[in-house]
């Protein structure tokens, strides 16, 4: 069976941001990455590079920043008041340290994450770029399995492994 729309694709992979650099993300045989093909669960060009592959096929491809997480945007680094990080009137000091990934939400209540770059006085500088923004992505790996998605997976738009329905 080939990787194509409405199929569940399981892969192992290694991701580097330099051709021979250190591995920055991976999915191994004991815990492969599974996604529902054609449902916008992965980067478009990532999926295009896997299309048509079958279990046992190896892959190796490169995504430019444009095809990955976009160019790094200096405007996405903002300064916030520490008070933004308060709960019931108390600033959550334990979450305020450089490098920490913090949950935020926009003016419409949509959640996203940012990485704390620095803290100075009552100001916190947060980088809202994806960690791989501006980077070329070098993937290599193998297709472990391709199977038909079940009706629940198709309805929900993502993979359900081992009876996992706890997301709703």
N, C-alpha and C. Protein backbone atom coordinates (compact mmCIF):
# COMPACT_ATOMS: atom_id res chain seq x y z
N UNK A 1 0.85 -1.17 0.00
CA UNK A 1 0.00 0.00 0.00
C UNK A 1 0.90 1.24 0.00
N UNK A 2 0.53 2.21 -0.80
CA UNK A 2 1.34 3.41 -0.96
C UNK A 2 0.86 4.55 -0.06
N UNK A 3 1.81 5.38 0.41
CA UNK A 3 1.48 6.58 1.16
C UNK A 3 0.69 7.51 0.24
N UNK A 4 -0.56 7.78 0.63
CA UNK A 4 -1.46 8.61 -0.17
C UNK A 4 -2.59 9.10 0.73
N UNK A 5 -3.43 10.01 0.23
CA UNK A 5 -4.49 10.56 1.07
C UNK A 5 -5.35 9.49 1.74
N UNK A 6 -5.70 9.78 2.99
CA UNK A 6 -6.55 8.93 3.85
C UNK A 6 -5.88 7.64 4.29
N UNK A 7 -4.56 7.56 4.16
CA UNK A 7 -3.80 6.42 4.69
C UNK A 7 -3.06 6.87 5.94
N UNK A 8 -2.91 5.96 6.88
CA UNK A 8 -2.06 6.21 8.05
C UNK A 8 -0.65 5.78 7.67
N UNK A 9 0.30 6.70 7.82
CA UNK A 9 1.68 6.43 7.46
C UNK A 9 2.51 6.48 8.74
N UNK A 10 3.28 5.42 8.98
CA UNK A 10 4.18 5.36 10.13
C UNK A 10 5.61 5.36 9.60
N UNK A 11 6.43 6.25 10.18
CA UNK A 11 7.81 6.36 9.73
C UNK A 11 8.76 6.47 10.92
N UNK A 12 10.00 6.10 10.67
CA UNK A 12 11.09 6.49 11.56
C UNK A 12 11.84 7.58 10.81
N UNK A 13 12.45 8.49 11.53
CA UNK A 13 13.21 9.53 10.86
C UNK A 13 14.23 10.14 11.80
N UNK A 14 15.19 10.81 11.19
CA UNK A 14 16.14 11.66 11.89
C UNK A 14 16.10 13.00 11.18
N UNK A 15 16.10 14.08 11.97
CA UNK A 15 16.09 15.43 11.42
C UNK A 15 17.33 16.16 11.88
N UNK A 16 17.99 16.80 10.92
CA UNK A 16 19.15 17.64 11.19
C UNK A 16 18.91 19.01 10.56
N UNK A 17 19.57 20.04 11.09
CA UNK A 17 19.49 21.37 10.48
C UNK A 17 20.79 21.72 9.76
N UNK A 18 21.73 20.80 9.75
CA UNK A 18 22.97 20.88 8.97
C UNK A 18 23.13 19.51 8.31
N UNK A 19 23.65 19.45 7.09
CA UNK A 19 23.72 18.16 6.37
C UNK A 19 24.33 17.02 7.20
N UNK A 20 25.39 17.27 7.91
CA UNK A 20 26.04 16.23 8.72
C UNK A 20 26.00 16.61 10.21
N UNK A 21 25.07 17.49 10.57
CA UNK A 21 24.99 17.99 11.94
C UNK A 21 24.36 17.00 12.91
N UNK A 22 24.20 17.48 14.13
CA UNK A 22 23.60 16.62 15.16
C UNK A 22 22.12 16.45 14.89
N UNK A 23 21.57 15.35 15.37
CA UNK A 23 20.14 15.06 15.23
C UNK A 23 19.38 15.98 16.18
N UNK A 24 18.41 16.75 15.65
CA UNK A 24 17.63 17.66 16.47
C UNK A 24 16.23 17.14 16.77
N UNK A 25 15.81 16.10 16.06
CA UNK A 25 14.53 15.45 16.32
C UNK A 25 14.60 14.07 15.67
N UNK A 26 13.85 13.12 16.23
CA UNK A 26 13.88 11.77 15.67
C UNK A 26 12.66 10.99 16.13
N UNK A 27 12.31 9.99 15.36
CA UNK A 27 11.31 8.98 15.73
C UNK A 27 11.97 7.64 15.44
N UNK A 28 12.06 6.81 16.46
CA UNK A 28 12.77 5.53 16.34
C UNK A 28 11.78 4.37 16.15
N UNK A 29 12.32 3.18 15.87
CA UNK A 29 11.50 2.00 15.60
C UNK A 29 10.54 1.66 16.73
N UNK A 30 10.97 1.87 17.98
CA UNK A 30 10.11 1.52 19.11
C UNK A 30 8.98 2.53 19.31
N UNK A 31 9.06 3.67 18.65
CA UNK A 31 8.02 4.69 18.75
C UNK A 31 7.97 5.51 17.46
N UNK A 32 7.53 4.89 16.36
CA UNK A 32 7.52 5.61 15.07
C UNK A 32 6.52 6.76 15.08
N UNK A 33 6.72 7.70 14.17
CA UNK A 33 5.82 8.82 13.99
C UNK A 33 4.72 8.39 13.04
N UNK A 34 3.46 8.56 13.44
CA UNK A 34 2.33 8.18 12.61
C UNK A 34 1.49 9.42 12.32
N UNK A 35 1.04 9.54 11.08
CA UNK A 35 0.17 10.66 10.72
C UNK A 35 -0.81 10.24 9.64
N UNK A 36 -1.91 10.98 9.57
CA UNK A 36 -2.94 10.73 8.58
C UNK A 36 -2.60 11.56 7.34
N UNK A 37 -2.24 10.86 6.29
CA UNK A 37 -1.79 11.50 5.05
C UNK A 37 -2.92 12.32 4.44
N UNK A 38 -2.59 13.53 3.99
CA UNK A 38 -3.55 14.36 3.28
C UNK A 38 -4.48 15.17 4.16
N UNK A 39 -4.18 15.28 5.45
CA UNK A 39 -5.06 16.00 6.37
C UNK A 39 -4.37 17.16 7.07
N UNK A 40 -3.33 17.70 6.44
CA UNK A 40 -2.62 18.87 6.96
C UNK A 40 -2.04 18.67 8.36
N UNK A 41 -1.60 17.45 8.65
CA UNK A 41 -1.00 17.16 9.95
C UNK A 41 0.51 17.32 9.95
N UNK A 42 1.10 17.43 8.76
CA UNK A 42 2.55 17.62 8.62
C UNK A 42 2.78 18.68 7.56
N UNK A 43 4.01 19.14 7.46
CA UNK A 43 4.35 20.13 6.44
C UNK A 43 4.01 19.58 5.06
N UNK A 44 3.48 20.44 4.20
CA UNK A 44 3.05 20.03 2.86
C UNK A 44 4.18 19.36 2.07
N UNK A 45 5.36 19.98 2.06
CA UNK A 45 6.46 19.41 1.29
C UNK A 45 7.03 18.14 1.92
N UNK A 46 6.92 18.03 3.24
CA UNK A 46 7.31 16.79 3.92
C UNK A 46 6.46 15.65 3.37
N UNK A 47 5.16 15.87 3.34
CA UNK A 47 4.23 14.86 2.85
C UNK A 47 4.48 14.53 1.38
N UNK A 48 4.71 15.57 0.56
CA UNK A 48 4.95 15.33 -0.87
C UNK A 48 6.16 14.44 -1.10
N UNK A 49 7.17 14.55 -0.23
CA UNK A 49 8.37 13.72 -0.36
C UNK A 49 8.12 12.26 0.02
N UNK A 50 7.05 12.01 0.76
CA UNK A 50 6.73 10.64 1.18
C UNK A 50 5.67 10.00 0.28
N UNK A 51 4.99 10.80 -0.51
CA UNK A 51 3.89 10.28 -1.33
C UNK A 51 4.36 9.16 -2.23
N UNK A 52 3.58 8.08 -2.24
CA UNK A 52 3.87 6.94 -3.10
C UNK A 52 4.81 5.91 -2.50
N UNK A 53 5.43 6.23 -1.35
CA UNK A 53 6.33 5.26 -0.72
C UNK A 53 5.53 4.16 -0.04
N UNK A 54 6.16 3.02 0.13
CA UNK A 54 5.52 1.88 0.80
C UNK A 54 6.39 1.42 1.96
N UNK A 55 5.81 0.57 2.81
CA UNK A 55 6.55 0.04 3.95
C UNK A 55 7.87 -0.57 3.47
N UNK A 56 8.94 -0.24 4.16
CA UNK A 56 10.26 -0.73 3.79
C UNK A 56 11.08 0.25 2.96
N UNK A 57 10.41 1.25 2.38
CA UNK A 57 11.14 2.26 1.59
C UNK A 57 11.90 3.20 2.52
N UNK A 58 13.14 3.50 2.13
CA UNK A 58 13.93 4.52 2.82
C UNK A 58 13.69 5.85 2.13
N UNK A 59 13.92 6.94 2.86
CA UNK A 59 13.80 8.26 2.26
C UNK A 59 14.88 9.18 2.82
N UNK A 60 15.20 10.17 2.02
CA UNK A 60 16.14 11.21 2.40
C UNK A 60 15.80 12.43 1.56
N UNK A 61 15.47 13.54 2.21
CA UNK A 61 15.13 14.75 1.47
C UNK A 61 15.43 15.98 2.32
N UNK A 62 15.46 17.11 1.64
CA UNK A 62 15.78 18.38 2.27
C UNK A 62 14.63 19.35 2.02
N UNK A 63 14.24 20.09 3.07
CA UNK A 63 13.24 21.14 2.94
C UNK A 63 13.91 22.48 3.22
N UNK A 64 13.70 23.43 2.34
CA UNK A 64 14.19 24.78 2.58
C UNK A 64 13.38 25.40 3.71
N UNK A 65 13.86 26.50 4.25
CA UNK A 65 13.11 27.21 5.29
C UNK A 65 11.71 27.56 4.78
N UNK A 66 11.64 27.99 3.52
CA UNK A 66 10.36 28.36 2.93
C UNK A 66 9.38 27.18 2.92
N UNK A 67 9.88 25.99 2.62
CA UNK A 67 9.03 24.79 2.59
C UNK A 67 8.84 24.18 3.97
N UNK A 68 9.64 24.64 4.93
CA UNK A 68 9.54 24.14 6.30
C UNK A 68 8.71 25.07 7.16
N UNK A 69 9.37 25.75 8.08
CA UNK A 69 8.67 26.60 9.04
C UNK A 69 8.81 28.08 8.76
N UNK A 70 9.21 28.41 7.54
CA UNK A 70 9.30 29.81 7.14
C UNK A 70 10.60 30.46 7.58
N UNK A 71 10.78 31.67 7.10
CA UNK A 71 11.97 32.44 7.47
C UNK A 71 11.82 32.94 8.89
N UNK A 72 12.95 33.17 9.54
CA UNK A 72 12.94 33.73 10.89
C UNK A 72 12.42 35.16 10.81
N UNK A 73 11.49 35.52 11.68
CA UNK A 73 10.86 36.84 11.67
C UNK A 73 11.25 37.61 12.92
N UNK A 74 12.10 38.61 12.77
CA UNK A 74 12.51 39.43 13.92
C UNK A 74 11.32 40.10 14.60
N UNK A 75 10.25 40.35 13.85
CA UNK A 75 9.05 40.98 14.41
C UNK A 75 8.30 40.03 15.36
N UNK A 76 8.62 38.74 15.32
CA UNK A 76 7.96 37.76 16.18
C UNK A 76 8.66 37.63 17.53
N UNK A 77 9.64 38.48 17.78
CA UNK A 77 10.29 38.54 19.09
C UNK A 77 9.72 39.78 19.78
N UNK A 78 8.98 39.54 20.87
CA UNK A 78 8.28 40.65 21.51
C UNK A 78 8.61 40.73 22.99
N UNK A 79 8.37 41.90 23.54
CA UNK A 79 8.59 42.11 24.97
C UNK A 79 7.23 42.17 25.65
N UNK A 80 7.06 41.38 26.70
CA UNK A 80 5.81 41.33 27.46
C UNK A 80 6.06 41.71 28.91
N UNK A 81 5.03 42.23 29.56
CA UNK A 81 5.12 42.47 30.99
C UNK A 81 5.05 41.13 31.72
N UNK A 82 5.79 41.02 32.82
CA UNK A 82 5.75 39.80 33.63
C UNK A 82 4.31 39.47 34.04
N UNK A 83 3.48 40.48 34.17
CA UNK A 83 2.11 40.26 34.62
C UNK A 83 1.32 39.35 33.67
N UNK A 84 1.77 39.25 32.42
CA UNK A 84 1.13 38.34 31.46
C UNK A 84 1.22 36.90 31.98
N UNK A 85 2.24 36.62 32.75
CA UNK A 85 2.48 35.27 33.26
C UNK A 85 1.98 35.11 34.69
N UNK A 86 0.80 35.66 34.96
CA UNK A 86 0.25 35.53 36.31
C UNK A 86 -1.01 34.69 36.29
N UNK A 87 -1.26 34.06 37.42
CA UNK A 87 -2.45 33.24 37.60
C UNK A 87 -3.02 33.60 38.96
N UNK A 88 -4.28 34.01 38.96
CA UNK A 88 -4.95 34.43 40.20
C UNK A 88 -4.13 35.50 40.93
N UNK A 89 -3.58 36.43 40.14
CA UNK A 89 -2.86 37.56 40.71
C UNK A 89 -1.41 37.31 41.08
N UNK A 90 -0.93 36.09 40.95
CA UNK A 90 0.45 35.76 41.31
C UNK A 90 1.26 35.44 40.06
N UNK A 91 2.41 36.11 39.91
CA UNK A 91 3.29 35.82 38.78
C UNK A 91 3.89 34.44 38.97
N UNK A 92 3.82 33.64 37.93
CA UNK A 92 4.31 32.26 37.98
C UNK A 92 5.82 32.25 37.71
N UNK A 93 6.58 32.64 38.72
CA UNK A 93 8.04 32.78 38.61
C UNK A 93 8.72 31.49 38.17
N UNK A 94 8.16 30.34 38.58
CA UNK A 94 8.81 29.05 38.25
C UNK A 94 8.85 28.78 36.75
N UNK A 95 8.01 29.44 35.97
CA UNK A 95 8.02 29.23 34.51
C UNK A 95 8.85 30.28 33.79
N UNK A 96 9.33 31.28 34.52
CA UNK A 96 10.06 32.38 33.90
C UNK A 96 11.57 32.17 33.97
N UNK A 97 12.09 31.47 32.96
CA UNK A 97 13.53 31.30 32.84
C UNK A 97 13.88 31.20 31.35
N UNK A 98 15.08 31.67 31.00
CA UNK A 98 15.52 31.68 29.61
C UNK A 98 15.48 30.28 29.01
N UNK A 99 14.95 30.20 27.81
CA UNK A 99 14.86 28.93 27.09
C UNK A 99 13.56 28.19 27.32
N UNK A 100 12.79 28.58 28.33
CA UNK A 100 11.54 27.88 28.61
C UNK A 100 10.51 28.15 27.51
N UNK A 101 9.77 27.12 27.13
CA UNK A 101 8.67 27.23 26.18
C UNK A 101 7.42 27.50 27.02
N UNK A 102 6.76 28.61 26.74
CA UNK A 102 5.61 29.01 27.55
C UNK A 102 4.34 29.05 26.70
N UNK A 103 3.22 28.65 27.30
CA UNK A 103 1.94 28.72 26.59
C UNK A 103 1.43 30.16 26.59
N UNK A 104 0.96 30.61 25.45
CA UNK A 104 0.40 31.96 25.30
C UNK A 104 -0.89 31.85 24.50
N UNK A 105 -1.61 32.95 24.39
CA UNK A 105 -2.77 32.98 23.50
C UNK A 105 -2.89 34.37 22.90
N UNK A 106 -3.43 34.38 21.67
CA UNK A 106 -3.59 35.65 20.99
C UNK A 106 -4.85 36.36 21.46
N UNK A 107 -5.15 37.51 20.87
CA UNK A 107 -6.30 38.31 21.29
C UNK A 107 -7.63 37.60 21.07
N UNK A 108 -7.62 36.53 20.28
CA UNK A 108 -8.84 35.76 20.02
C UNK A 108 -8.92 34.50 20.88
N UNK A 109 -7.95 34.31 21.76
CA UNK A 109 -7.94 33.14 22.63
C UNK A 109 -7.30 31.91 22.02
N UNK A 110 -6.70 32.05 20.84
CA UNK A 110 -6.05 30.90 20.19
C UNK A 110 -4.71 30.63 20.84
N UNK A 111 -4.45 29.39 21.25
CA UNK A 111 -3.19 29.07 21.92
C UNK A 111 -2.02 28.97 20.96
N UNK A 112 -0.84 29.35 21.44
CA UNK A 112 0.41 29.14 20.74
C UNK A 112 1.52 29.14 21.77
N UNK A 113 2.73 28.89 21.34
CA UNK A 113 3.85 28.83 22.27
C UNK A 113 4.92 29.83 21.88
N UNK A 114 5.66 30.25 22.88
CA UNK A 114 6.81 31.12 22.67
C UNK A 114 7.95 30.65 23.54
N UNK A 115 9.17 31.06 23.18
CA UNK A 115 10.36 30.68 23.96
C UNK A 115 10.92 31.94 24.61
N UNK A 116 11.13 31.87 25.92
CA UNK A 116 11.67 33.01 26.64
C UNK A 116 13.13 33.20 26.25
N UNK A 117 13.43 34.41 25.76
CA UNK A 117 14.78 34.76 25.32
C UNK A 117 15.54 35.43 26.46
N UNK A 118 14.87 36.34 27.16
CA UNK A 118 15.52 37.05 28.26
C UNK A 118 14.49 37.61 29.22
N UNK A 119 14.94 37.91 30.41
CA UNK A 119 14.11 38.52 31.44
C UNK A 119 14.92 39.67 32.03
N UNK A 120 14.32 40.85 32.03
CA UNK A 120 14.99 42.03 32.59
C UNK A 120 13.95 42.84 33.38
N UNK A 121 14.11 42.87 34.69
CA UNK A 121 13.16 43.59 35.53
C UNK A 121 11.78 42.98 35.41
N UNK A 122 10.80 43.81 35.03
CA UNK A 122 9.43 43.30 34.90
C UNK A 122 9.07 43.01 33.45
N UNK A 123 10.08 42.87 32.58
CA UNK A 123 9.86 42.59 31.16
C UNK A 123 10.41 41.21 30.79
N UNK A 124 9.65 40.50 29.96
CA UNK A 124 10.05 39.18 29.47
C UNK A 124 10.06 39.24 27.94
N UNK A 125 11.20 38.91 27.33
CA UNK A 125 11.30 38.89 25.88
C UNK A 125 11.03 37.46 25.40
N UNK A 126 10.06 37.34 24.50
CA UNK A 126 9.60 36.03 24.03
C UNK A 126 9.74 35.95 22.51
N UNK A 127 10.33 34.84 22.04
CA UNK A 127 10.48 34.56 20.61
C UNK A 127 9.35 33.63 20.21
N UNK A 128 8.49 34.09 19.32
CA UNK A 128 7.34 33.29 18.89
C UNK A 128 7.58 32.57 17.57
N UNK A 129 8.80 32.66 17.03
CA UNK A 129 9.14 31.89 15.84
C UNK A 129 9.18 30.41 16.20
N UNK A 130 8.85 29.55 15.24
CA UNK A 130 9.04 28.12 15.44
C UNK A 130 10.53 27.87 15.64
N UNK A 131 10.93 26.92 16.49
CA UNK A 131 12.36 26.66 16.71
C UNK A 131 13.14 26.37 15.42
N UNK A 132 12.48 25.86 14.39
CA UNK A 132 13.15 25.55 13.13
C UNK A 132 12.94 26.63 12.07
N UNK A 133 12.37 27.77 12.44
CA UNK A 133 12.19 28.87 11.48
C UNK A 133 13.56 29.32 10.97
N UNK A 134 13.64 29.55 9.66
CA UNK A 134 14.87 30.02 9.05
C UNK A 134 15.90 28.94 8.81
N UNK A 135 15.56 27.71 9.11
CA UNK A 135 16.52 26.61 8.98
C UNK A 135 16.14 25.67 7.84
N UNK A 136 17.16 25.15 7.18
CA UNK A 136 16.97 24.09 6.21
C UNK A 136 16.85 22.79 6.99
N UNK A 137 15.92 21.94 6.61
CA UNK A 137 15.65 20.69 7.33
C UNK A 137 16.10 19.50 6.50
N UNK A 138 16.94 18.66 7.09
CA UNK A 138 17.47 17.47 6.41
C UNK A 138 16.88 16.24 7.07
N UNK A 139 15.99 15.55 6.35
CA UNK A 139 15.33 14.36 6.87
C UNK A 139 15.89 13.11 6.22
N UNK A 140 16.04 12.06 7.01
CA UNK A 140 16.25 10.73 6.45
C UNK A 140 15.56 9.74 7.37
N UNK A 141 15.08 8.65 6.78
CA UNK A 141 14.35 7.67 7.57
C UNK A 141 13.81 6.56 6.72
N UNK A 142 12.77 5.91 7.24
CA UNK A 142 12.17 4.78 6.55
C UNK A 142 10.68 4.71 6.85
N UNK A 143 9.93 4.22 5.88
CA UNK A 143 8.51 3.98 6.07
C UNK A 143 8.36 2.63 6.77
N UNK A 144 7.68 2.63 7.89
CA UNK A 144 7.48 1.41 8.68
C UNK A 144 6.19 0.71 8.26
N UNK A 145 5.14 1.50 8.05
CA UNK A 145 3.83 0.93 7.76
C UNK A 145 2.97 1.94 7.03
N UNK A 146 2.13 1.44 6.13
CA UNK A 146 1.08 2.25 5.51
C UNK A 146 -0.18 1.41 5.59
N UNK A 147 -1.24 1.99 6.16
CA UNK A 147 -2.50 1.26 6.28
C UNK A 147 -3.67 2.20 6.01
N UNK A 148 -4.82 1.58 5.76
CA UNK A 148 -6.04 2.36 5.60
C UNK A 148 -6.39 3.02 6.93
N UNK A 149 -6.84 4.25 6.89
CA UNK A 149 -7.32 4.92 8.10
C UNK A 149 -8.71 4.38 8.42
N UNK A 150 -9.01 4.29 9.71
CA UNK A 150 -10.36 3.85 10.07
C UNK A 150 -11.31 5.05 10.06
N UNK A 151 -12.59 4.79 10.18
CA UNK A 151 -13.59 5.85 10.05
C UNK A 151 -13.41 6.95 11.10
N UNK A 152 -13.08 6.58 12.33
CA UNK A 152 -12.87 7.57 13.39
C UNK A 152 -11.69 8.48 13.06
N UNK A 153 -10.61 7.88 12.56
CA UNK A 153 -9.44 8.68 12.18
C UNK A 153 -9.79 9.66 11.07
N UNK A 154 -10.56 9.20 10.09
CA UNK A 154 -10.96 10.07 8.99
C UNK A 154 -11.86 11.21 9.50
N UNK A 155 -12.79 10.88 10.40
CA UNK A 155 -13.70 11.90 10.95
C UNK A 155 -12.94 12.93 11.78
N UNK A 156 -11.97 12.47 12.56
CA UNK A 156 -11.23 13.37 13.45
C UNK A 156 -10.05 14.04 12.76
N UNK A 157 -9.60 13.48 11.64
CA UNK A 157 -8.52 14.08 10.88
C UNK A 157 -7.13 13.78 11.39
N UNK A 158 -7.01 12.77 12.25
CA UNK A 158 -5.69 12.37 12.74
C UNK A 158 -5.72 10.93 13.21
N UNK A 159 -4.52 10.40 13.48
CA UNK A 159 -4.36 8.99 13.84
C UNK A 159 -4.81 8.74 15.28
N UNK A 160 -5.45 7.60 15.48
CA UNK A 160 -5.80 7.10 16.81
C UNK A 160 -5.09 5.78 17.00
N UNK A 161 -4.10 5.78 17.86
CA UNK A 161 -3.37 4.55 18.14
C UNK A 161 -3.81 3.99 19.48
N UNK A 162 -3.92 2.70 19.58
CA UNK A 162 -4.20 2.01 20.85
C UNK A 162 -5.46 2.54 21.51
N UNK A 163 -6.49 2.87 20.70
CA UNK A 163 -7.76 3.32 21.26
C UNK A 163 -7.71 4.71 21.84
N UNK A 164 -6.74 5.51 21.46
CA UNK A 164 -6.60 6.87 22.01
C UNK A 164 -7.69 7.78 21.50
N UNK A 165 -8.57 8.18 22.40
CA UNK A 165 -9.62 9.14 22.05
C UNK A 165 -9.67 10.27 23.06
N UNK A 166 -8.60 10.46 23.82
CA UNK A 166 -8.61 11.41 24.92
C UNK A 166 -8.43 12.87 24.53
N UNK A 167 -8.40 13.19 23.26
CA UNK A 167 -8.13 14.57 22.85
C UNK A 167 -9.35 15.43 22.83
N UNK A 168 -10.56 14.87 22.86
CA UNK A 168 -11.79 15.70 22.75
C UNK A 168 -12.39 15.93 24.10
